[in-house]
Amino acid sequence: MAIRVYEAWKGSNKFLFGGRLILGPDAWSLPFTLLLIITPVTLFSVFVATHLRHEFLPSNAGDAILVVAILFTVFVLILLFLTSARDPGIVPRNSHPPEEELCYDTTVSSDGRQTPTVQIPRTKEVIVYGVSVRVKYCDTCMLYRPPRCSHCSICNNCVERFDHHCPWVGQCIGVRNYRFFFMFVASATLLCIYVFSMSALYIKVLMDNHQGTVWRAMRESPWSVMLMIYCFISLWFVGGLTGFHLYLISTNQTTYENFRYRSDNRINVYNRGCSNNFLEIFCSKGKPSRNDFRAFVKEEPPRSVTLATTWQGAEGAEEENREERRQKVEDDLDIDEDIMKLQQRSNAEEGSNQVDHKVDIDQLRVGSNERAPTIRSEARHGNWGTRSNAQEDVVAGSSVRESRSYAAAEEGR
């Protein structure tokens, strides 16, 4: 049965609606973020905007205050959705290491055996804007990461132009959603400023209508005070984040690069000027996704890595060993042939034609009380012996002839 890509996905992402939406593994934080946005806006609409609407009833200013708050909130939620539910720029994994980058090596074990091994360089150099940049190899995704790409340990994916993993949106921030992330943070900042301003305006209206002090107006509308406190605290977070990312955009950095290479005094090869950096983020064409999560998985045949250099060297050594063994066998055969000729001569002298030739010379008198040693030579059939045994047979054959000649001379006397 064919399965789709999102069903066989090796990352930690979560998919909704048949792979149409992709979320991070910590997507449970997304409802909490929605609650932090929707709750204060709802309280503002009920307890502040409606009262301001009555205060500005002769004109449409009261209605505009409520409509702007609702539309602004919807806009922020859309940006949150575009940030958290789309592919941030995931680089597809490879099913096998890149063969063109493999390095072949040979390791020698303690017993002298040569074992072929495959190694992949951990880094390699690429050219970016005429400057050499080092990129790293990812063991998990089995690829060399593109420039400005990093592997997210939470999502377990390599993400292009990786900025950071945001737990508030439950997704990585990369090349395809960074624009929406910044707009979401900036819009949330403006929404906080708007709610804070309108709540403070309502306190001012209460002071003017009742001609009282600010404390009396605050007692008249405690929800306005609570909203002002909440927005003031939120501004320190989302407002500070907006300012920090404005600095990153102006210098064309990512959060990851800023925190990691801050003390290295590196030259930022991606910085092309403040205006061009902003145009690159907000006016460039969005990069299409490299993944089709709803496509069917294509089964690739298993690939075997051919260790050409190493195995050719091993085959050459084996060929040399076979040549040496062949030469050794031929030498042994030549020696054995000489031995056979010597044995045939000795057998012709004795008149013996047996299959297993044995020549016994026993008790030959040499001198007065000396005896020649008994020497036995056997003709071998089938497999021949080693070089040392063959040499011993040659010596034995020579001793046999010398002993016979000496014995014949004694008999002639």
Protein backbone atom coordinates (compact mmCIF):
# COMPACT_ATOMS: atom_id res chain seq x y z
CA MET A 1 0.00 0.00 0.00
CA ALA A 2 1.42 3.37 -1.01
CA ILE A 3 1.99 5.85 1.79
CA ARG A 4 2.38 9.60 1.64
CA VAL A 5 5.43 11.61 2.57
CA TYR A 6 3.94 13.05 5.76
CA GLU A 7 3.08 9.55 6.97
CA ALA A 8 6.69 8.38 6.60
CA TRP A 9 8.20 11.65 7.82
CA LYS A 10 11.31 11.11 9.95
CA GLY A 11 11.21 14.51 11.64
CA SER A 12 9.33 15.36 14.84
CA ASN A 13 6.65 17.46 13.13
CA LYS A 14 2.92 17.02 13.46
CA PHE A 15 0.64 17.12 10.42
CA LEU A 16 -3.00 18.15 10.16
CA PHE A 17 -5.63 17.76 7.43
CA GLY A 18 -3.79 15.04 5.54
CA GLY A 19 -0.40 16.76 5.46
CA ARG A 20 -1.74 20.15 4.40
CA LEU A 21 -0.57 21.79 7.63
CA ILE A 22 2.76 21.12 9.32
CA LEU A 23 3.38 22.02 12.96
CA GLY A 24 6.27 21.62 15.33
CA PRO A 25 6.40 18.94 18.03
CA ASP A 26 5.52 21.56 20.68
CA ALA A 27 2.34 22.68 18.92
CA TRP A 28 0.52 22.31 22.25
CA SER A 29 1.83 25.81 23.10
CA LEU A 30 -0.14 27.31 20.21
CA PRO A 31 -3.52 27.29 22.03
CA PHE A 32 -1.85 29.04 24.96
CA THR A 33 -0.56 31.75 22.62
CA LEU A 34 -4.03 32.14 21.12
CA LEU A 35 -5.43 32.52 24.63
CA LEU A 36 -2.93 35.27 25.44
CA ILE A 37 -4.08 37.22 22.36
CA ILE A 38 -7.82 36.60 22.26
CA THR A 39 -8.59 36.97 25.98
CA PRO A 40 -7.40 40.58 26.46
CA VAL A 41 -8.94 41.69 23.17
CA THR A 42 -12.27 40.18 24.19
CA LEU A 43 -12.16 41.95 27.56
CA PHE A 44 -11.24 45.16 25.77
CA SER A 45 -14.16 44.84 23.35
CA VAL A 46 -16.70 44.15 26.10
CA PHE A 47 -15.62 46.49 28.90
CA VAL A 48 -13.82 49.33 27.12
CA ALA A 49 -14.66 49.58 23.41
CA THR A 50 -18.43 49.37 23.91
CA HIS A 51 -18.35 52.18 26.49
CA LEU A 52 -16.17 54.31 24.24
CA ARG A 53 -18.67 53.67 21.46
CA HIS A 54 -21.41 55.23 23.57
CA GLU A 55 -19.17 58.15 24.45
CA PHE A 56 -18.59 58.92 20.77
CA LEU A 57 -22.11 57.96 19.72
CA PRO A 58 -22.88 61.07 17.61
CA SER A 59 -19.96 60.16 15.37
CA ASN A 60 -18.60 56.90 14.03
CA ALA A 61 -15.41 57.12 16.08
CA GLY A 62 -16.78 54.71 18.69
CA ASP A 63 -17.55 52.08 16.09
CA ALA A 64 -14.14 52.53 14.52
CA ILE A 65 -12.42 51.80 17.84
CA LEU A 66 -14.18 48.43 18.12
CA VAL A 67 -13.75 47.51 14.45
CA VAL A 68 -10.06 48.33 14.44
CA ALA A 69 -9.47 46.17 17.53
CA ILE A 70 -11.25 43.19 15.95
CA LEU A 71 -9.59 43.54 12.56
CA PHE A 72 -6.18 44.01 14.12
CA THR A 73 -6.67 40.84 16.16
CA VAL A 74 -7.73 38.85 13.11
CA PHE A 75 -4.66 40.09 11.25
CA VAL A 76 -2.39 38.99 14.10
CA LEU A 77 -4.02 35.54 14.20
CA ILE A 78 -3.56 35.10 10.44
CA LEU A 79 0.12 35.94 10.77
CA LEU A 80 0.41 33.48 13.64
CA PHE A 81 -1.20 30.81 11.49
CA LEU A 82 1.15 31.51 8.54
CA THR A 83 4.13 31.33 10.90
CA SER A 84 3.30 28.13 12.74
CA ALA A 85 1.42 25.99 10.18
CA ARG A 86 3.66 26.10 7.12
CA ASP A 87 6.98 24.62 6.06
CA PRO A 88 9.69 26.91 7.51
CA GLY A 89 12.22 25.83 4.87
CA ILE A 90 12.98 22.20 5.66
CA VAL A 91 15.73 20.63 3.57
CA PRO A 92 14.66 17.11 2.48
CA ARG A 93 16.76 14.29 3.86
CA ASN A 94 18.86 12.01 1.72
CA SER A 95 18.34 8.27 1.86
CA HIS A 96 22.08 7.67 1.49
CA PRO A 97 25.27 9.76 1.85
CA PRO A 98 26.39 11.77 -1.19
CA GLU A 99 28.56 9.38 -3.22
CA GLU A 100 30.47 12.16 -4.95
CA GLU A 101 31.81 13.29 -1.55
CA LEU A 102 32.93 9.87 -0.31
CA CYS A 103 36.60 9.36 0.50
CA TYR A 104 38.07 5.86 0.34
CA ASP A 105 40.70 4.81 2.83
CA THR A 106 42.33 1.60 4.00
CA THR A 107 42.94 0.68 7.62
CA VAL A 108 45.52 -1.96 8.58
CA SER A 109 44.56 -4.25 11.45
CA SER A 110 46.94 -5.85 13.95
CA ASP A 111 47.20 -9.03 11.89
CA GLY A 112 48.21 -7.07 8.79
CA ARG A 113 44.89 -7.23 6.97
CA GLN A 114 43.81 -4.23 4.95
CA THR A 115 40.19 -3.22 5.48
CA PRO A 116 38.55 -0.72 3.10
CA THR A 117 36.69 2.11 4.85
CA VAL A 118 34.50 4.97 3.68
CA GLN A 119 34.83 8.44 5.16
CA ILE A 120 32.85 11.64 4.56
CA PRO A 121 34.57 15.00 5.14
CA ARG A 122 32.92 16.82 8.02
CA THR A 123 33.07 20.19 6.24
CA LYS A 124 33.57 21.61 2.78
CA GLU A 125 34.04 25.06 1.30
CA VAL A 126 31.44 26.86 -0.86
CA ILE A 127 31.56 30.31 -2.43
CA VAL A 128 28.99 32.91 -1.28
CA TYR A 129 29.20 36.37 -2.86
CA GLY A 130 32.80 35.65 -3.81
CA VAL A 131 33.79 34.63 -0.26
CA SER A 132 34.62 31.08 0.81
CA VAL A 133 32.18 29.82 3.45
CA ARG A 134 32.50 26.53 5.31
CA VAL A 135 29.41 24.31 5.50
CA LYS A 136 28.99 21.27 7.71
CA TYR A 137 27.82 17.73 7.01
CA CYS A 138 24.67 16.62 8.84
CA ASP A 139 24.80 12.97 9.90
CA THR A 140 21.06 12.84 10.56
CA CYS A 141 19.93 14.23 7.20
CA MET A 142 23.00 12.82 5.33
CA LEU A 143 23.68 16.04 3.43
CA TYR A 144 25.91 19.08 3.44
CA ARG A 145 23.85 21.89 4.90
CA PRO A 146 23.35 24.89 2.62
CA PRO A 147 24.82 28.18 3.84
CA ARG A 148 22.95 29.62 6.84
CA CYS A 149 21.23 26.28 7.35
CA SER A 150 21.21 24.53 10.72
CA HIS A 151 19.69 21.37 12.19
CA CYS A 152 16.92 22.01 14.73
CA SER A 153 17.20 19.56 17.60
CA ILE A 154 13.52 20.02 18.51
CA CYS A 155 11.99 19.46 15.06
CA ASN A 156 14.86 17.15 13.98
CA ASN A 157 15.13 18.83 10.60
CA CYS A 158 17.67 20.92 8.72
CA VAL A 159 16.09 24.34 8.10
CA GLU A 160 17.31 26.90 5.56
CA ARG A 161 18.29 30.28 7.01
CA PHE A 162 17.54 28.91 10.45
CA ASP A 163 16.76 31.73 12.89
CA HIS A 164 15.53 29.91 16.00
CA HIS A 165 12.83 27.57 17.24
CA CYS A 166 10.04 29.63 18.77
CA PRO A 167 8.08 27.81 21.50
CA TRP A 168 5.30 30.43 21.41
CA VAL A 169 4.35 29.53 17.86
CA GLY A 170 5.47 25.89 18.11
CA GLN A 171 7.54 25.99 14.95
CA CYS A 172 11.02 26.67 13.59
CA ILE A 173 11.62 30.09 12.12
CA GLY A 174 13.38 29.81 8.78
CA VAL A 175 13.59 31.22 5.29
CA ARG A 176 9.91 30.60 4.42
CA ASN A 177 8.22 31.97 7.56
CA TYR A 178 10.63 34.53 8.99
CA ARG A 179 8.80 37.36 7.23
CA PHE A 180 5.48 36.31 8.77
CA PHE A 181 7.08 35.79 12.17
CA PHE A 182 8.45 39.33 12.26
CA MET A 183 5.14 40.76 11.08
CA PHE A 184 3.35 38.74 13.75
CA VAL A 185 5.61 40.04 16.52
CA ALA A 186 5.44 43.60 15.23
CA SER A 187 1.63 43.44 14.85
CA ALA A 188 1.27 42.02 18.36
CA THR A 189 3.33 44.97 19.59
CA LEU A 190 1.08 47.44 17.81
CA LEU A 191 -2.01 45.66 19.16
CA CYS A 192 -0.67 45.98 22.70
CA ILE A 193 -0.01 49.68 22.14
CA TYR A 194 -3.52 50.14 20.73
CA VAL A 195 -5.29 48.37 23.61
CA PHE A 196 -3.17 50.24 26.15
CA SER A 197 -3.90 53.59 24.49
CA MET A 198 -7.65 53.02 24.22
CA SER A 199 -7.86 51.86 27.83
CA ALA A 200 -5.98 54.96 28.96
CA LEU A 201 -8.35 57.06 26.79
CA TYR A 202 -11.34 55.53 28.56
CA ILE A 203 -9.83 56.41 31.93
CA LYS A 204 -9.41 60.00 30.69
CA VAL A 205 -13.03 60.09 29.49
CA LEU A 206 -14.25 58.91 32.92
CA MET A 207 -12.18 61.59 34.64
CA ASP A 208 -13.64 64.29 32.40
CA ASN A 209 -17.25 63.14 32.70
CA HIS A 210 -17.26 62.72 36.48
CA GLN A 211 -14.76 65.46 37.15
CA GLY A 212 -12.91 63.19 39.47
CA THR A 213 -9.40 62.05 40.07
CA VAL A 214 -7.57 59.31 38.27
CA TRP A 215 -8.06 56.94 41.18
CA ARG A 216 -11.81 57.41 41.04
CA ALA A 217 -11.80 56.74 37.30
CA MET A 218 -9.73 53.61 37.82
CA ARG A 219 -12.31 52.37 40.37
CA GLU A 220 -15.03 53.03 37.80
CA SER A 221 -13.31 50.81 35.20
CA PRO A 222 -10.99 48.23 36.82
CA TRP A 223 -10.84 46.26 33.56
CA SER A 224 -9.17 49.19 31.88
CA VAL A 225 -6.48 49.20 34.56
CA MET A 226 -5.92 45.45 34.23
CA LEU A 227 -5.63 45.74 30.45
CA MET A 228 -3.13 48.56 30.77
CA ILE A 229 -0.98 46.52 33.16
CA TYR A 230 -1.18 43.46 30.91
CA CYS A 231 -0.25 45.40 27.77
CA PHE A 232 2.61 47.17 29.56
CA ILE A 233 4.15 43.85 30.59
CA SER A 234 3.59 42.33 27.14
CA LEU A 235 5.27 45.30 25.50
CA TRP A 236 8.52 44.48 27.26
CA PHE A 237 8.45 41.09 25.57
CA VAL A 238 7.01 41.56 22.09
CA GLY A 239 8.28 45.14 21.83
CA GLY A 240 11.81 44.12 22.79
CA LEU A 241 11.64 41.20 20.37
CA THR A 242 10.51 43.52 17.58
CA GLY A 243 13.38 45.89 18.20
CA PHE A 244 15.91 43.07 18.30
CA HIS A 245 14.72 41.64 14.97
CA LEU A 246 14.75 45.08 13.40
CA TYR A 247 18.45 45.18 14.23
CA LEU A 248 18.95 41.65 12.82
CA ILE A 249 17.18 42.54 9.57
CA SER A 250 19.16 45.74 9.13
CA THR A 251 22.43 43.81 9.45
CA ASN A 252 21.15 40.66 7.67
CA GLN A 253 21.76 38.31 10.55
CA THR A 254 19.80 35.49 12.13
CA THR A 255 19.29 34.96 15.84
CA TYR A 256 21.40 31.80 15.63
CA GLU A 257 24.26 33.61 13.91
CA ASN A 258 24.11 36.56 16.28
CA PHE A 259 24.35 34.43 19.43
CA ARG A 260 26.89 31.94 18.08
CA TYR A 261 29.31 34.14 16.15
CA ARG A 262 28.98 37.33 18.16
CA SER A 263 32.45 36.99 19.73
CA ASP A 264 34.23 35.68 16.60
CA ASN A 265 34.47 39.06 14.85
CA ARG A 266 33.46 37.39 11.62
CA ILE A 267 32.79 39.30 8.43
CA ASN A 268 29.10 39.04 7.59
CA VAL A 269 29.17 38.17 3.89
CA TYR A 270 25.37 38.42 3.67
CA ASN A 271 25.14 42.08 4.72
CA ARG A 272 24.41 44.12 1.58
CA GLY A 273 23.39 47.36 3.22
CA CYS A 274 20.44 48.30 5.42
CA SER A 275 17.98 49.12 2.63
CA ASN A 276 18.85 46.05 0.56
CA ASN A 277 18.59 43.86 3.64
CA PHE A 278 15.03 45.07 4.31
CA LEU A 279 14.12 44.61 0.65
CA GLU A 280 15.45 41.05 0.78
CA ILE A 281 13.19 40.17 3.71
CA PHE A 282 9.97 41.96 2.76
CA CYS A 283 10.05 42.45 -1.00
CA SER A 284 11.74 39.33 -2.34
CA LYS A 285 9.76 36.48 -3.81
CA GLY A 286 8.91 33.77 -1.32
CA LYS A 287 10.93 30.61 -1.68
CA PRO A 288 8.84 27.56 -2.65
CA SER A 289 8.83 24.53 -0.39
CA ARG A 290 11.19 21.69 -1.19
CA ASN A 291 8.73 19.15 0.21
CA ASP A 292 5.45 17.82 -1.11
CA PHE A 293 4.03 16.26 2.04
CA ARG A 294 0.98 14.83 0.27
CA ALA A 295 2.96 13.09 -2.46
CA PHE A 296 3.39 9.34 -2.40
CA VAL A 297 6.69 7.94 -1.23
CA LYS A 298 8.84 6.62 -4.04
CA GLU A 299 10.80 3.54 -3.13
CA GLU A 300 14.39 3.79 -4.24
CA PRO A 301 16.42 0.65 -4.96
CA PRO A 302 19.17 0.08 -2.41
CA ARG A 303 22.49 1.50 -3.47
CA SER A 304 25.80 -0.17 -2.79
CA VAL A 305 28.88 1.95 -2.38
CA THR A 306 31.62 0.76 -4.74
CA LEU A 307 35.03 1.12 -3.19
CA ALA A 308 36.85 1.32 -6.48
CA THR A 309 40.24 2.50 -5.33
CA THR A 310 40.45 0.27 -2.29
CA TRP A 311 39.22 -2.89 -3.90
CA GLN A 312 41.35 -2.44 -6.96
CA GLY A 313 44.35 -2.23 -4.69
CA ALA A 314 43.24 -5.36 -2.88
CA GLU A 315 42.68 -7.21 -6.15
CA GLY A 316 46.15 -6.17 -7.33
CA ALA A 317 47.70 -7.53 -4.16
CA GLU A 318 45.74 -10.76 -4.53
CA GLU A 319 46.86 -11.08 -8.14
CA GLU A 320 50.48 -10.70 -7.06
CA ASN A 321 50.00 -13.37 -4.40
CA ARG A 322 48.50 -15.74 -6.95
CA GLU A 323 51.44 -15.10 -9.31
CA GLU A 324 53.93 -15.88 -6.54
CA ARG A 325 52.12 -19.09 -5.66
CA ARG A 326 52.01 -20.10 -9.34
CA GLN A 327 55.76 -19.50 -9.71
CA LYS A 328 56.43 -21.49 -6.56
CA VAL A 329 54.41 -24.44 -7.83
CA GLU A 330 56.27 -24.37 -11.16
CA ASP A 331 59.63 -24.36 -9.37
CA ASP A 332 58.52 -27.28 -7.22
CA LEU A 333 57.40 -29.19 -10.29
CA ASP A 334 60.81 -28.65 -11.93
CA ILE A 335 62.61 -29.92 -8.86
CA ASP A 336 60.31 -32.93 -8.59
CA GLU A 337 60.92 -33.70 -12.26
CA ASP A 338 64.66 -33.78 -11.63
CA ILE A 339 64.09 -36.06 -8.67
CA MET A 340 62.03 -38.43 -10.81
CA LYS A 341 64.82 -38.62 -13.40
CA LEU A 342 67.35 -39.44 -10.72
CA GLN A 343 65.11 -42.15 -9.32
CA GLN A 344 64.48 -43.62 -12.77
CA ARG A 345 68.24 -43.88 -13.37
CA SER A 346 68.77 -45.61 -10.07
CA ASN A 347 65.89 -47.99 -10.76
CA ALA A 348 67.31 -48.79 -14.22
CA GLU A 349 70.60 -49.81 -12.65
CA GLU A 350 68.88 -52.16 -10.19
CA GLY A 351 66.38 -53.43 -12.78
CA SER A 352 63.40 -52.50 -10.54
CA ASN A 353 60.10 -51.40 -12.17
CA GLN A 354 57.84 -51.30 -9.13
CA VAL A 355 55.28 -48.56 -8.68
CA ASP A 356 56.58 -47.44 -5.32
CA HIS A 357 60.33 -47.28 -5.92
CA LYS A 358 62.46 -47.91 -2.87
CA VAL A 359 66.21 -48.06 -2.94
CA ASP A 360 67.82 -49.60 0.09
CA ILE A 361 71.52 -49.54 0.54
CA ASP A 362 72.33 -51.29 3.72
CA GLN A 363 75.59 -52.13 5.31
CA LEU A 364 77.92 -51.00 2.54
CA ARG A 365 81.47 -51.28 3.72
CA VAL A 366 83.33 -48.05 3.47
CA GLY A 367 86.91 -48.62 4.58
CA SER A 368 87.57 -51.29 7.22
CA ASN A 369 84.88 -50.90 9.90
CA GLU A 370 82.69 -48.11 8.46
CA ARG A 371 79.14 -48.56 7.22
CA ALA A 372 77.31 -46.30 4.77
CA PRO A 373 74.03 -44.99 6.15
CA THR A 374 70.75 -46.42 4.95
CA ILE A 375 69.11 -44.03 2.52
CA ARG A 376 65.56 -44.46 1.31
CA SER A 377 64.08 -42.52 -1.55
CA GLU A 378 60.39 -42.74 -2.39
CA ALA A 379 58.80 -41.57 -5.59
CA ARG A 380 55.83 -39.31 -4.81
CA HIS A 381 52.68 -39.24 -6.85
CA GLY A 382 49.96 -36.63 -7.01
CA ASN A 383 50.71 -33.50 -4.98
CA TRP A 384 54.36 -32.61 -4.67
CA GLY A 385 56.00 -31.57 -1.44
CA THR A 386 57.48 -28.25 -0.45
CA ARG A 387 60.70 -26.77 -1.71
CA SER A 388 62.67 -27.91 1.35
CA ASN A 389 61.54 -31.53 1.00
CA ALA A 390 62.44 -31.48 -2.68
CA GLN A 391 65.95 -30.25 -1.91
CA GLU A 392 66.39 -33.02 0.65
CA ASP A 393 65.39 -35.57 -1.99
CA VAL A 394 68.00 -34.16 -4.38
CA VAL A 395 70.70 -34.55 -1.76
CA ALA A 396 69.49 -38.07 -1.02
CA GLY A 397 69.59 -38.99 -4.71
CA SER A 398 73.15 -37.70 -5.05
CA SER A 399 74.25 -39.68 -2.00
CA VAL A 400 72.74 -42.82 -3.49
CA ARG A 401 74.79 -42.46 -6.70
CA GLU A 402 78.00 -41.76 -4.81
CA SER A 403 77.49 -44.75 -2.54
CA ARG A 404 76.80 -47.05 -5.50
CA SER A 405 79.88 -45.89 -7.35
CA TYR A 406 82.07 -46.43 -4.32
CA ALA A 407 80.59 -49.89 -3.71
CA ALA A 408 81.22 -50.91 -7.34
CA ALA A 409 84.81 -49.80 -7.06
CA GLU A 410 85.34 -51.93 -3.95
CA GLU A 411 83.87 -55.00 -5.60
CA GLY A 412 86.10 -54.50 -8.64
CA ARG A 413 89.15 -54.64 -6.39
